[in-house]
Amino acid sequence: MTRRKILLADDDEAVLDFMQAKLGAKYDLVTTNAADNVGALARQHRPDLIICDVDMPEMDGGDVSAALYDDEDTRTIPMLFLTGLVSASDLKATRGDIGGRPAIAKNAPVAELVARIEALVRK
């Protein structure tokens, strides 16, 4: 079985390290701490999913999402927002979406994150 490839973008190195530790055994991860690298990395690596922090210094998750959608090579790659700005319970009130994209709180259980990943890469 082929391992799924995930591009993970977060400006917090601790989050990238945590995700690598929790997801690295199951998925091939490509990581970046710079939002403005996401498009180039997505074109280069063709991930099955992009997980992107909502609040990053160079550009926010919405800007990243818009740039990916504007590019024919990346517009069909599923995207999951990762956020520390709202809690898991607050996200449930929005059906787990931010700006029309699926989202998950940074403090969500790893099992919930994996379930969201699996649901998105199967589509």
PDB file of N, CA and C in Angstrom:
ATOM      1  N   MET A   1       0.842  -1.188   0.000  1.00  0.00           N
ATOM      2  CA  MET A   1       0.000   0.000   0.000  1.00  0.00           C
ATOM      3  C   MET A   1       0.883   1.247   0.000  1.00  0.00           C
ATOM      4  N   THR A   2       0.556   2.185  -0.851  1.00  0.00           N
ATOM      5  CA  THR A   2       1.318   3.417  -0.959  1.00  0.00           C
ATOM      6  C   THR A   2       0.973   4.358   0.185  1.00  0.00           C
ATOM      7  N   ARG A   3       2.017   4.913   0.783  1.00  0.00           N
ATOM      8  CA  ARG A   3       1.791   5.879   1.860  1.00  0.00           C
ATOM      9  C   ARG A   3       1.334   7.201   1.264  1.00  0.00           C
ATOM     10  N   ARG A   4       0.385   7.825   1.922  1.00  0.00           N
ATOM     11  CA  ARG A   4      -0.101   9.137   1.484  1.00  0.00           C
ATOM     12  C   ARG A   4       0.938  10.193   1.826  1.00  0.00           C
ATOM     13  N   LYS A   5       1.021  11.206   0.956  1.00  0.00           N
ATOM     14  CA  LYS A   5       1.949  12.314   1.176  1.00  0.00           C
ATOM     15  C   LYS A   5       1.164  13.533   1.625  1.00  0.00           C
ATOM     16  N   ILE A   6       1.640  14.159   2.699  1.00  0.00           N
ATOM     17  CA  ILE A   6       0.989  15.345   3.247  1.00  0.00           C
ATOM     18  C   ILE A   6       1.999  16.480   3.299  1.00  0.00           C
ATOM     19  N   LEU A   7       1.590  17.632   2.809  1.00  0.00           N
ATOM     20  CA  LEU A   7       2.368  18.861   2.948  1.00  0.00           C
ATOM     21  C   LEU A   7       1.818  19.595   4.155  1.00  0.00           C
ATOM     22  N   LEU A   8       2.675  19.851   5.125  1.00  0.00           N
ATOM     23  CA  LEU A   8       2.276  20.493   6.373  1.00  0.00           C
ATOM     24  C   LEU A   8       2.978  21.839   6.498  1.00  0.00           C
ATOM     25  N   ALA A   9       2.193  22.909   6.646  1.00  0.00           N
ATOM     26  CA  ALA A   9       2.745  24.258   6.768  1.00  0.00           C
ATOM     27  C   ALA A   9       2.313  24.879   8.087  1.00  0.00           C
ATOM     28  N   ASP A  10       3.287  25.233   8.913  1.00  0.00           N
ATOM     29  CA  ASP A  10       3.026  25.908  10.187  1.00  0.00           C
ATOM     30  C   ASP A  10       4.277  26.681  10.561  1.00  0.00           C
ATOM     31  N   ASP A  11       4.113  27.914  11.014  1.00  0.00           N
ATOM     32  CA  ASP A  11       5.268  28.726  11.373  1.00  0.00           C
ATOM     33  C   ASP A  11       5.868  28.326  12.718  1.00  0.00           C
ATOM     34  N   ASP A  12       5.209  27.470  13.460  1.00  0.00           N
ATOM     35  CA  ASP A  12       5.677  27.019  14.772  1.00  0.00           C
ATOM     36  C   ASP A  12       6.416  25.687  14.610  1.00  0.00           C
ATOM     37  N   GLU A  13       7.724  25.715  14.789  1.00  0.00           N
ATOM     38  CA  GLU A  13       8.535  24.502  14.630  1.00  0.00           C
ATOM     39  C   GLU A  13       8.100  23.402  15.596  1.00  0.00           C
ATOM     40  N   ALA A  14       7.622  23.777  16.781  1.00  0.00           N
ATOM     41  CA  ALA A  14       7.161  22.771  17.746  1.00  0.00           C
ATOM     42  C   ALA A  14       5.962  21.996  17.196  1.00  0.00           C
ATOM     43  N   VAL A  15       5.082  22.680  16.485  1.00  0.00           N
ATOM     44  CA  VAL A  15       3.926  22.007  15.868  1.00  0.00           C
ATOM     45  C   VAL A  15       4.407  21.065  14.768  1.00  0.00           C
ATOM     46  N   LEU A  16       5.347  21.518  13.951  1.00  0.00           N
ATOM     47  CA  LEU A  16       5.883  20.656  12.894  1.00  0.00           C
ATOM     48  C   LEU A  16       6.545  19.412  13.489  1.00  0.00           C
ATOM     49  N   ASP A  17       7.312  19.601  14.571  1.00  0.00           N
ATOM     50  CA  ASP A  17       7.960  18.463  15.232  1.00  0.00           C
ATOM     51  C   ASP A  17       6.931  17.498  15.807  1.00  0.00           C
ATOM     52  N   PHE A  18       5.888  18.041  16.437  1.00  0.00           N
ATOM     53  CA  PHE A  18       4.826  17.212  17.008  1.00  0.00           C
ATOM     54  C   PHE A  18       4.130  16.404  15.913  1.00  0.00           C
ATOM     55  N   MET A  19       3.786  17.070  14.825  1.00  0.00           N
ATOM     56  CA  MET A  19       3.108  16.390  13.721  1.00  0.00           C
ATOM     57  C   MET A  19       4.002  15.310  13.114  1.00  0.00           C
ATOM     58  N   GLN A  20       5.279  15.609  12.990  1.00  0.00           N
ATOM     59  CA  GLN A  20       6.215  14.606  12.465  1.00  0.00           C
ATOM     60  C   GLN A  20       6.238  13.386  13.383  1.00  0.00           C
ATOM     61  N   ALA A  21       6.273  13.621  14.688  1.00  0.00           N
ATOM     62  CA  ALA A  21       6.303  12.517  15.651  1.00  0.00           C
ATOM     63  C   ALA A  21       5.013  11.702  15.625  1.00  0.00           C
ATOM     64  N   LYS A  22       3.880  12.363  15.484  1.00  0.00           N
ATOM     65  CA  LYS A  22       2.588  11.674  15.554  1.00  0.00           C
ATOM     66  C   LYS A  22       2.127  11.098  14.217  1.00  0.00           C
ATOM     67  N   LEU A  23       2.509  11.723  13.121  1.00  0.00           N
ATOM     68  CA  LEU A  23       2.002  11.303  11.811  1.00  0.00           C
ATOM     69  C   LEU A  23       3.059  10.667  10.909  1.00  0.00           C
ATOM     70  N   GLY A  24       4.323  10.862  11.247  1.00  0.00           N
ATOM     71  CA  GLY A  24       5.411  10.425  10.376  1.00  0.00           C
ATOM     72  C   GLY A  24       5.471   8.931  10.110  1.00  0.00           C
ATOM     73  N   ALA A  25       4.981   8.119  11.031  1.00  0.00           N
ATOM     74  CA  ALA A  25       4.997   6.669  10.824  1.00  0.00           C
ATOM     75  C   ALA A  25       3.933   6.226   9.816  1.00  0.00           C
ATOM     76  N   LYS A  26       2.886   7.021   9.680  1.00  0.00           N
ATOM     77  CA  LYS A  26       1.753   6.648   8.826  1.00  0.00           C
ATOM     78  C   LYS A  26       1.782   7.344   7.459  1.00  0.00           C
ATOM     79  N   TYR A  27       2.321   8.565   7.422  1.00  0.00           N
ATOM     80  CA  TYR A  27       2.296   9.375   6.202  1.00  0.00           C
ATOM     81  C   TYR A  27       3.699   9.873   5.873  1.00  0.00           C
ATOM     82  N   ASP A  28       3.932  10.141   4.591  1.00  0.00           N
ATOM     83  CA  ASP A  28       5.144  10.839   4.175  1.00  0.00           C
ATOM     84  C   ASP A  28       4.859  12.326   4.313  1.00  0.00           C
ATOM     85  N   LEU A  29       5.632  12.999   5.145  1.00  0.00           N
ATOM     86  CA  LEU A  29       5.388  14.413   5.415  1.00  0.00           C
ATOM     87  C   LEU A  29       6.444  15.289   4.750  1.00  0.00           C
ATOM     88  N   VAL A  30       5.972  16.355   4.145  1.00  0.00           N
ATOM     89  CA  VAL A  30       6.813  17.434   3.648  1.00  0.00           C
ATOM     90  C   VAL A  30       6.415  18.633   4.487  1.00  0.00           C
ATOM     91  N   THR A  31       7.377  19.280   5.145  1.00  0.00           N
ATOM     92  CA  THR A  31       7.028  20.375   6.050  1.00  0.00           C
ATOM     93  C   THR A  31       7.696  21.674   5.629  1.00  0.00           C
ATOM     94  N   THR A  32       7.025  22.754   5.982  1.00  0.00           N
ATOM     95  CA  THR A  32       7.588  24.089   5.790  1.00  0.00           C
ATOM     96  C   THR A  32       7.066  24.997   6.893  1.00  0.00           C
ATOM     97  N   ASN A  33       7.903  25.935   7.299  1.00  0.00           N
ATOM     98  CA  ASN A  33       7.458  26.925   8.284  1.00  0.00           C
ATOM     99  C   ASN A  33       7.142  28.263   7.616  1.00  0.00           C
ATOM    100  N   ALA A  34       7.088  28.268   6.291  1.00  0.00           N
ATOM    101  CA  ALA A  34       6.831  29.503   5.547  1.00  0.00           C
ATOM    102  C   ALA A  34       5.651  29.312   4.599  1.00  0.00           C
ATOM    103  N   ALA A  35       4.611  30.078   4.818  1.00  0.00           N
ATOM    104  CA  ALA A  35       3.399  29.967   3.997  1.00  0.00           C
ATOM    105  C   ALA A  35       3.679  30.237   2.522  1.00  0.00           C
ATOM    106  N   ASP A  36       4.618  31.129   2.247  1.00  0.00           N
ATOM    107  CA  ASP A  36       4.882  31.461   0.849  1.00  0.00           C
ATOM    108  C   ASP A  36       5.637  30.356   0.098  1.00  0.00           C
ATOM    109  N   ASN A  37       6.025  29.286   0.788  1.00  0.00           N
ATOM    110  CA  ASN A  37       6.648  28.129   0.132  1.00  0.00           C
ATOM    111  C   ASN A  37       5.641  27.051  -0.249  1.00  0.00           C
ATOM    112  N   VAL A  38       4.415  27.158   0.231  1.00  0.00           N
ATOM    113  CA  VAL A  38       3.434  26.081   0.064  1.00  0.00           C
ATOM    114  C   VAL A  38       3.155  25.789  -1.412  1.00  0.00           C
ATOM    115  N   GLY A  39       2.944  26.804  -2.210  1.00  0.00           N
ATOM    116  CA  GLY A  39       2.630  26.589  -3.622  1.00  0.00           C
ATOM    117  C   GLY A  39       3.729  25.838  -4.352  1.00  0.00           C
ATOM    118  N   ALA A  40       4.968  26.274  -4.186  1.00  0.00           N
ATOM    119  CA  ALA A  40       6.093  25.617  -4.861  1.00  0.00           C
ATOM    120  C   ALA A  40       6.259  24.181  -4.378  1.00  0.00           C
ATOM    121  N   LEU A  41       6.123  23.967  -3.074  1.00  0.00           N
ATOM    122  CA  LEU A  41       6.247  22.608  -2.540  1.00  0.00           C
ATOM    123  C   LEU A  41       5.107  21.715  -3.018  1.00  0.00           C
ATOM    124  N   ALA A  42       3.919  22.286  -3.135  1.00  0.00           N
ATOM    125  CA  ALA A  42       2.771  21.510  -3.622  1.00  0.00           C
ATOM    126  C   ALA A  42       2.986  21.092  -5.074  1.00  0.00           C
ATOM    127  N   ARG A  43       3.513  21.997  -5.894  1.00  0.00           N
ATOM    128  CA  ARG A  43       3.785  21.653  -7.293  1.00  0.00           C
ATOM    129  C   ARG A  43       4.907  20.609  -7.393  1.00  0.00           C
ATOM    130  N   GLN A  44       5.913  20.749  -6.549  1.00  0.00           N
ATOM    131  CA  GLN A  44       7.055  19.838  -6.589  1.00  0.00           C
ATOM    132  C   GLN A  44       6.706  18.435  -6.081  1.00  0.00           C
ATOM    133  N   HIS A  45       5.992  18.346  -4.966  1.00  0.00           N
ATOM    134  CA  HIS A  45       5.763  17.057  -4.299  1.00  0.00           C
ATOM    135  C   HIS A  45       4.409  16.418  -4.585  1.00  0.00           C
ATOM    136  N   ARG A  46       3.465  17.178  -5.136  1.00  0.00           N
ATOM    137  CA  ARG A  46       2.119  16.664  -5.437  1.00  0.00           C
ATOM    138  C   ARG A  46       1.521  15.885  -4.261  1.00  0.00           C
ATOM    139  N   PRO A  47       1.332  16.552  -3.115  1.00  0.00           N
ATOM    140  CA  PRO A  47       0.808  15.848  -1.941  1.00  0.00           C
ATOM    141  C   PRO A  47      -0.650  15.434  -2.130  1.00  0.00           C
ATOM    142  N   ASP A  48      -1.051  14.448  -1.338  1.00  0.00           N
ATOM    143  CA  ASP A  48      -2.444  14.006  -1.326  1.00  0.00           C
ATOM    144  C   ASP A  48      -3.308  14.959  -0.510  1.00  0.00           C
ATOM    145  N   LEU A  49      -2.659  15.735   0.362  1.00  0.00           N
ATOM    146  CA  LEU A  49      -3.359  16.669   1.246  1.00  0.00           C
ATOM    147  C   LEU A  49      -2.388  17.751   1.682  1.00  0.00           C
ATOM    148  N   ILE A  50      -2.913  18.962   1.856  1.00  0.00           N
ATOM    149  CA  ILE A  50      -2.143  20.059   2.438  1.00  0.00           C
ATOM    150  C   ILE A  50      -2.807  20.427   3.754  1.00  0.00           C
ATOM    151  N   ILE A  51      -2.024  20.422   4.829  1.00  0.00           N
ATOM    152  CA  ILE A  51      -2.496  20.892   6.131  1.00  0.00           C
ATOM    153  C   ILE A  51      -1.773  22.207   6.385  1.00  0.00           C
ATOM    154  N   CYS A  52      -2.536  23.267   6.583  1.00  0.00           N
ATOM    155  CA  CYS A  52      -1.945  24.604   6.679  1.00  0.00           C
ATOM    156  C   CYS A  52      -2.481  25.358   7.890  1.00  0.00           C
ATOM    157  N   ASP A  53      -1.577  25.911   8.669  1.00  0.00           N
ATOM    158  CA  ASP A  53      -1.953  26.774   9.783  1.00  0.00           C
ATOM    159  C   ASP A  53      -2.725  27.971   9.231  1.00  0.00           C
ATOM    160  N   VAL A  54      -3.741  28.381   9.946  1.00  0.00           N
ATOM    161  CA  VAL A  54      -4.550  29.528   9.521  1.00  0.00           C
ATOM    162  C   VAL A  54      -3.794  30.834   9.714  1.00  0.00           C
ATOM    163  N   ASP A  55      -3.060  30.960  10.812  1.00  0.00           N
ATOM    164  CA  ASP A  55      -2.435  32.226  11.188  1.00  0.00           C
ATOM    165  C   ASP A  55      -0.916  32.123  11.062  1.00  0.00           C
ATOM    166  N   MET A  56      -0.408  32.581   9.919  1.00  0.00           N
ATOM    167  CA  MET A  56       1.034  32.572   9.688  1.00  0.00           C
ATOM    168  C   MET A  56       1.481  33.978   9.306  1.00  0.00           C
ATOM    169  N   PRO A  57       2.741  34.326   9.574  1.00  0.00           N
ATOM    170  CA  PRO A  57       3.190  35.712   9.382  1.00  0.00           C
ATOM    171  C   PRO A  57       3.143  36.234   7.947  1.00  0.00           C
ATOM    172  N   GLU A  58       3.645  35.466   6.977  1.00  0.00           N
ATOM    173  CA  GLU A  58       3.768  35.991   5.614  1.00  0.00           C
ATOM    174  C   GLU A  58       2.411  36.140   4.938  1.00  0.00           C
ATOM    175  N   MET A  59       1.595  35.107   5.076  1.00  0.00           N
ATOM    176  CA  MET A  59       0.261  35.097   4.494  1.00  0.00           C
ATOM    177  C   MET A  59      -0.576  34.149   5.337  1.00  0.00           C
ATOM    178  N   ASP A  60      -1.855  34.446   5.440  1.00  0.00           N
ATOM    179  CA  ASP A  60      -2.690  33.570   6.264  1.00  0.00           C
ATOM    180  C   ASP A  60      -3.182  32.383   5.438  1.00  0.00           C
ATOM    181  N   GLY A  61      -3.818  31.448   6.117  1.00  0.00           N
ATOM    182  CA  GLY A  61      -4.294  30.247   5.445  1.00  0.00           C
ATOM    183  C   GLY A  61      -5.240  30.537   4.299  1.00  0.00           C
ATOM    184  N   GLY A  62      -6.055  31.567   4.446  1.00  0.00           N
ATOM    185  CA  GLY A  62      -6.970  31.942   3.369  1.00  0.00           C
ATOM    186  C   GLY A  62      -6.230  32.387   2.124  1.00  0.00           C
ATOM    187  N   ASP A  63      -5.142  33.137   2.317  1.00  0.00           N
ATOM    188  CA  ASP A  63      -4.322  33.563   1.181  1.00  0.00           C
ATOM    189  C   ASP A  63      -3.641  32.368   0.517  1.00  0.00           C
ATOM    190  N   VAL A  64      -3.157  31.441   1.341  1.00  0.00           N
ATOM    191  CA  VAL A  64      -2.535  30.227   0.800  1.00  0.00           C
ATOM    192  C   VAL A  64      -3.561  29.446  -0.013  1.00  0.00           C
ATOM    193  N   SER A  65      -4.751  29.279   0.550  1.00  0.00           N
ATOM    194  CA  SER A  65      -5.825  28.548  -0.122  1.00  0.00           C
ATOM    195  C   SER A  65      -6.167  29.192  -1.464  1.00  0.00           C
ATOM    196  N   ALA A  66      -6.288  30.520  -1.479  1.00  0.00           N
ATOM    197  CA  ALA A  66      -6.620  31.236  -2.715  1.00  0.00           C
ATOM    198  C   ALA A  66      -5.520  31.064  -3.763  1.00  0.00           C
ATOM    199  N   ALA A  67      -4.260  31.155  -3.333  1.00  0.00           N
ATOM    200  CA  ALA A  67      -3.143  30.994  -4.268  1.00  0.00           C
ATOM    201  C   ALA A  67      -3.112  29.577  -4.846  1.00  0.00           C
ATOM    202  N   LEU A  68      -3.384  28.585  -4.010  1.00  0.00           N
ATOM    203  CA  LEU A  68      -3.417  27.200  -4.493  1.00  0.00           C
ATOM    204  C   LEU A  68      -4.554  27.003  -5.485  1.00  0.00           C
ATOM    205  N   TYR A  69      -5.698  27.602  -5.207  1.00  0.00           N
ATOM    206  CA  TYR A  69      -6.850  27.461  -6.098  1.00  0.00           C
ATOM    207  C   TYR A  69      -6.604  28.147  -7.441  1.00  0.00           C
ATOM    208  N   ASP A  70      -5.867  29.251  -7.424  1.00  0.00           N
ATOM    209  CA  ASP A  70      -5.586  29.989  -8.659  1.00  0.00           C
ATOM    210  C   ASP A  70      -4.596  29.267  -9.576  1.00  0.00           C
ATOM    211  N   ASP A  71      -3.914  28.270  -9.057  1.00  0.00           N
ATOM    212  CA  ASP A  71      -2.913  27.529  -9.818  1.00  0.00           C
ATOM    213  C   ASP A  71      -3.523  26.209 -10.304  1.00  0.00           C
ATOM    214  N   GLU A  72      -3.569  26.008 -11.619  1.00  0.00           N
ATOM    215  CA  GLU A  72      -4.162  24.785 -12.180  1.00  0.00           C
ATOM    216  C   GLU A  72      -3.511  23.516 -11.640  1.00  0.00           C
ATOM    217  N   ASP A  73      -2.227  23.588 -11.308  1.00  0.00           N
ATOM    218  CA  ASP A  73      -1.503  22.410 -10.833  1.00  0.00           C
ATOM    219  C   ASP A  73      -1.837  22.038  -9.391  1.00  0.00           C
ATOM    220  N   THR A  74      -2.400  22.972  -8.624  1.00  0.00           N
ATOM    221  CA  THR A  74      -2.621  22.698  -7.198  1.00  0.00           C
ATOM    222  C   THR A  74      -4.075  22.837  -6.754  1.00  0.00           C
ATOM    223  N   ARG A  75      -4.942  23.321  -7.613  1.00  0.00           N
ATOM    224  CA  ARG A  75      -6.310  23.640  -7.181  1.00  0.00           C
ATOM    225  C   ARG A  75      -7.105  22.433  -6.709  1.00  0.00           C
ATOM    226  N   THR A  76      -6.769  21.243  -7.162  1.00  0.00           N
ATOM    227  CA  THR A  76      -7.557  20.062  -6.780  1.00  0.00           C
ATOM    228  C   THR A  76      -7.001  19.322  -5.561  1.00  0.00           C
ATOM    229  N   ILE A  77      -5.897  19.795  -5.013  1.00  0.00           N
ATOM    230  CA  ILE A  77      -5.328  19.143  -3.828  1.00  0.00           C
ATOM    231  C   ILE A  77      -6.185  19.511  -2.617  1.00  0.00           C
ATOM    232  N   PRO A  78      -6.696  18.526  -1.887  1.00  0.00           N
ATOM    233  CA  PRO A  78      -7.496  18.839  -0.696  1.00  0.00           C
ATOM    234  C   PRO A  78      -6.655  19.592   0.337  1.00  0.00           C
ATOM    235  N   MET A  79      -7.338  20.417   1.121  1.00  0.00           N
ATOM    236  CA  MET A  79      -6.655  21.236   2.120  1.00  0.00           C
ATOM    237  C   MET A  79      -7.411  21.173   3.435  1.00  0.00           C
ATOM    238  N   LEU A  80      -6.654  21.117   4.519  1.00  0.00           N
ATOM    239  CA  LEU A  80      -7.201  21.120   5.873  1.00  0.00           C
ATOM    240  C   LEU A  80      -6.528  22.243   6.637  1.00  0.00           C
ATOM    241  N   PHE A  81      -7.332  23.162   7.170  1.00  0.00           N
ATOM    242  CA  PHE A  81      -6.774  24.224   7.999  1.00  0.00           C
ATOM    243  C   PHE A  81      -6.506  23.692   9.395  1.00  0.00           C
ATOM    244  N   LEU A  82      -5.395  24.121   9.964  1.00  0.00           N
ATOM    245  CA  LEU A  82      -5.007  23.816  11.330  1.00  0.00           C
ATOM    246  C   LEU A  82      -5.020  25.137  12.083  1.00  0.00           C
ATOM    247  N   THR A  83      -5.718  25.183  13.216  1.00  0.00           N
ATOM    248  CA  THR A  83      -5.821  26.461  13.911  1.00  0.00           C
ATOM    249  C   THR A  83      -5.703  26.345  15.423  1.00  0.00           C
ATOM    250  N   GLY A  84      -5.034  27.317  15.980  1.00  0.00           N
ATOM    251  CA  GLY A  84      -4.978  27.473  17.427  1.00  0.00           C
ATOM    252  C   GLY A  84      -5.821  28.663  17.858  1.00  0.00           C
ATOM    253  N   LEU A  85      -6.500  29.282  16.887  1.00  0.00           N
ATOM    254  CA  LEU A  85      -7.288  30.481  17.174  1.00  0.00           C
ATOM    255  C   LEU A  85      -8.650  30.166  17.768  1.00  0.00           C
ATOM    256  N   VAL A  86      -9.170  28.989  17.477  1.00  0.00           N
ATOM    257  CA  VAL A  86     -10.466  28.583  18.024  1.00  0.00           C
ATOM    258  C   VAL A  86     -10.341  27.172  18.582  1.00  0.00           C
ATOM    259  N   SER A  87     -11.204  26.860  19.519  1.00  0.00           N
ATOM    260  CA  SER A  87     -11.173  25.540  20.146  1.00  0.00           C
ATOM    261  C   SER A  87     -11.906  24.517  19.289  1.00  0.00           C
ATOM    262  N   ALA A  88     -11.710  23.264  19.634  1.00  0.00           N
ATOM    263  CA  ALA A  88     -12.400  22.183  18.929  1.00  0.00           C
ATOM    264  C   ALA A  88     -13.910  22.338  19.050  1.00  0.00           C
ATOM    265  N   SER A  89     -14.390  22.758  20.222  1.00  0.00           N
ATOM    266  CA  SER A  89     -15.843  22.921  20.399  1.00  0.00           C
ATOM    267  C   SER A  89     -16.377  24.089  19.569  1.00  0.00           C
ATOM    268  N   ASP A  90     -15.596  25.158  19.442  1.00  0.00           N
ATOM    269  CA  ASP A  90     -16.015  26.274  18.591  1.00  0.00           C
ATOM    270  C   ASP A  90     -16.079  25.849  17.122  1.00  0.00           C
ATOM    271  N   LEU A  91     -15.146  25.018  16.706  1.00  0.00           N
ATOM    272  CA  LEU A  91     -15.151  24.537  15.322  1.00  0.00           C
ATOM    273  C   LEU A  91     -16.370  23.668  15.041  1.00  0.00           C
ATOM    274  N   LYS A  92     -16.805  22.916  16.035  1.00  0.00           N
ATOM    275  CA  LYS A  92     -17.994  22.080  15.830  1.00  0.00           C
ATOM    276  C   LYS A  92     -19.209  22.938  15.514  1.00  0.00           C
ATOM    277  N   ALA A  93     -19.251  24.145  16.052  1.00  0.00           N
ATOM    278  CA  ALA A  93     -20.369  25.053  15.779  1.00  0.00           C
ATOM    279  C   ALA A  93     -20.391  25.488  14.315  1.00  0.00           C
ATOM    280  N   THR A  94     -19.237  25.451  13.665  1.00  0.00           N
ATOM    281  CA  THR A  94     -19.157  25.815  12.241  1.00  0.00           C
ATOM    282  C   THR A  94     -19.048  24.570  11.361  1.00  0.00           C
ATOM    283  N   ARG A  95     -19.395  23.433  11.918  1.00  0.00           N
ATOM    284  CA  ARG A  95     -19.295  22.129  11.237  1.00  0.00           C
ATOM    285  C   ARG A  95     -17.864  21.819  10.810  1.00  0.00           C
ATOM    286  N   GLY A  96     -16.915  22.361  11.549  1.00  0.00           N
ATOM    287  CA  GLY A  96     -15.513  22.065  11.278  1.00  0.00           C
ATOM    288  C   GLY A  96     -14.934  22.760  10.076  1.00  0.00           C
ATOM    289  N   ASP A  97     -15.544  23.864   9.655  1.00  0.00           N
ATOM    290  CA  ASP A  97     -15.048  24.602   8.493  1.00  0.00           C
ATOM    291  C   ASP A  97     -14.621  26.013   8.876  1.00  0.00           C
ATOM    292  N   ILE A  98     -13.619  26.496   8.173  1.00  0.00           N
ATOM    293  CA  ILE A  98     -13.214  27.901   8.237  1.00  0.00           C
ATOM    294  C   ILE A  98     -13.111  28.366   6.793  1.00  0.00           C
ATOM    295  N   GLY A  99     -13.882  29.366   6.442  1.00  0.00           N
ATOM    296  CA  GLY A  99     -13.836  29.891   5.078  1.00  0.00           C
ATOM    297  C   GLY A  99     -14.154  28.853   4.018  1.00  0.00           C
ATOM    298  N   GLY A 100     -15.032  27.922   4.345  1.00  0.00           N
ATOM    299  CA  GLY A 100     -15.416  26.904   3.381  1.00  0.00           C
ATOM    300  C   GLY A 100     -14.441  25.743   3.258  1.00  0.00           C
ATOM    301  N   ARG A 101     -13.376  25.763   4.031  1.00  0.00           N
ATOM    302  CA  ARG A 101     -12.393  24.675   4.033  1.00  0.00           C
ATOM    303  C   ARG A 101     -12.511  23.904   5.339  1.00  0.00           C
ATOM    304  N   PRO A 102     -12.301  22.598   5.309  1.00  0.00           N
ATOM    305  CA  PRO A 102     -12.306  21.843   6.560  1.00  0.00           C
ATOM    306  C   PRO A 102     -11.185  22.331   7.470  1.00  0.00           C
ATOM    307  N   ALA A 103     -11.439  22.288   8.764  1.00  0.00           N
ATOM    308  CA  ALA A 103     -10.461  22.781   9.732  1.00  0.00           C
ATOM    309  C   ALA A 103     -10.468  21.895  10.967  1.00  0.00           C
ATOM    310  N   ILE A 104      -9.345  21.922  11.670  1.00  0.00           N
ATOM    311  CA  ILE A 104      -9.231  21.197  12.924  1.00  0.00           C
ATOM    312  C   ILE A 104      -8.404  22.038  13.885  1.00  0.00           C
ATOM    313  N   ALA A 105      -8.769  21.985  15.158  1.00  0.00           N
ATOM    314  CA  ALA A 105      -8.041  22.728  16.182  1.00  0.00           C
ATOM    315  C   ALA A 105      -6.702  22.045  16.457  1.00  0.00           C
ATOM    316  N   LYS A 106      -5.689  22.845  16.750  1.00  0.00           N
ATOM    317  CA  LYS A 106      -4.375  22.289  17.051  1.00  0.00           C
ATOM    318  C   LYS A 106      -4.412  21.386  18.279  1.00  0.00           C
ATOM    319  N   ASN A 107      -5.356  21.642  19.188  1.00  0.00           N
ATOM    320  CA  ASN A 107      -5.424  20.827  20.403  1.00  0.00           C
ATOM    321  C   ASN A 107      -6.366  19.630  20.268  1.00  0.00           C
ATOM    322  N   ALA A 108      -6.821  19.344  19.062  1.00  0.00           N
ATOM    323  CA  ALA A 108      -7.692  18.181  18.840  1.00  0.00           C
ATOM    324  C   ALA A 108      -6.887  16.897  19.059  1.00  0.00           C
ATOM    325  N   PRO A 109      -7.552  15.841  19.498  1.00  0.00           N
ATOM    326  CA  PRO A 109      -6.847  14.560  19.663  1.00  0.00           C
ATOM    327  C   PRO A 109      -6.266  14.075  18.330  1.00  0.00           C
ATOM    328  N   VAL A 110      -5.130  13.414  18.400  1.00  0.00           N
ATOM    329  CA  VAL A 110      -4.470  12.918  17.190  1.00  0.00           C
ATOM    330  C   VAL A 110      -5.398  11.988  16.408  1.00  0.00           C
ATOM    331  N   ALA A 111      -6.181  11.178  17.104  1.00  0.00           N
ATOM    332  CA  ALA A 111      -7.112  10.267  16.419  1.00  0.00           C
ATOM    333  C   ALA A 111      -8.116  11.043  15.574  1.00  0.00           C
ATOM    334  N   GLU A 112      -8.558  12.194  16.070  1.00  0.00           N
ATOM    335  CA  GLU A 112      -9.489  13.030  15.301  1.00  0.00           C
ATOM    336  C   GLU A 112      -8.793  13.612  14.071  1.00  0.00           C
ATOM    337  N   LEU A 113      -7.547  14.048  14.244  1.00  0.00           N
ATOM    338  CA  LEU A 113      -6.775  14.572  13.116  1.00  0.00           C
ATOM    339  C   LEU A 113      -6.604  13.490  12.046  1.00  0.00           C
ATOM    340  N   VAL A 114      -6.239  12.292  12.452  1.00  0.00           N
ATOM    341  CA  VAL A 114      -6.056  11.197  11.497  1.00  0.00           C
ATOM    342  C   VAL A 114      -7.372  10.885  10.783  1.00  0.00           C
ATOM    343  N   ALA A 115      -8.475  10.905  11.516  1.00  0.00           N
ATOM    344  CA  ALA A 115      -9.785  10.651  10.894  1.00  0.00           C
ATOM    345  C   ALA A 115     -10.099  11.704   9.841  1.00  0.00           C
ATOM    346  N   ARG A 116      -9.798  12.972  10.145  1.00  0.00           N
ATOM    347  CA  ARG A 116     -10.038  14.053   9.166  1.00  0.00           C
ATOM    348  C   ARG A 116      -9.142  13.872   7.943  1.00  0.00           C
ATOM    349  N   ILE A 117      -7.884  13.524   8.188  1.00  0.00           N
ATOM    350  CA  ILE A 117      -6.954  13.295   7.083  1.00  0.00           C
ATOM    351  C   ILE A 117      -7.477  12.176   6.187  1.00  0.00           C
ATOM    352  N   GLU A 118      -7.838  11.064   6.788  1.00  0.00           N
ATOM    353  CA  GLU A 118      -8.307   9.909   6.014  1.00  0.00           C
ATOM    354  C   GLU A 118      -9.561  10.243   5.208  1.00  0.00           C
ATOM    355  N   ALA A 119     -10.467  10.996   5.808  1.00  0.00           N
ATOM    356  CA  ALA A 119     -11.691  11.377   5.093  1.00  0.00           C
ATOM    357  C   ALA A 119     -11.365  12.245   3.876  1.00  0.00           C
ATOM    358  N   LEU A 120     -10.399  13.128   4.011  1.00  0.00           N
ATOM    359  CA  LEU A 120     -10.057  14.035   2.913  1.00  0.00           C
ATOM    360  C   LEU A 120      -9.263  13.350   1.806  1.00  0.00           C
ATOM    361  N   VAL A 121      -8.384  12.443   2.150  1.00  0.00           N
ATOM    362  CA  VAL A 121      -7.574  11.813   1.101  1.00  0.00           C
ATOM    363  C   VAL A 121      -8.347  10.726   0.359  1.00  0.00           C
ATOM    364  N   ARG A 122      -9.465  10.289   0.893  1.00  0.00           N
ATOM    365  CA  ARG A 122     -10.294   9.288   0.207  1.00  0.00           C
ATOM    366  C   ARG A 122     -11.214   9.911  -0.825  1.00  0.00           C
ATOM    367  N   LYS A 123     -11.464  11.209  -0.737  1.00  0.00           N
ATOM    368  CA  LYS A 123     -12.402  11.874  -1.654  1.00  0.00           C
ATOM    369  C   LYS A 123     -11.884  11.860  -3.071  1.00  0.00           C
TER     370      LYS A 123
END
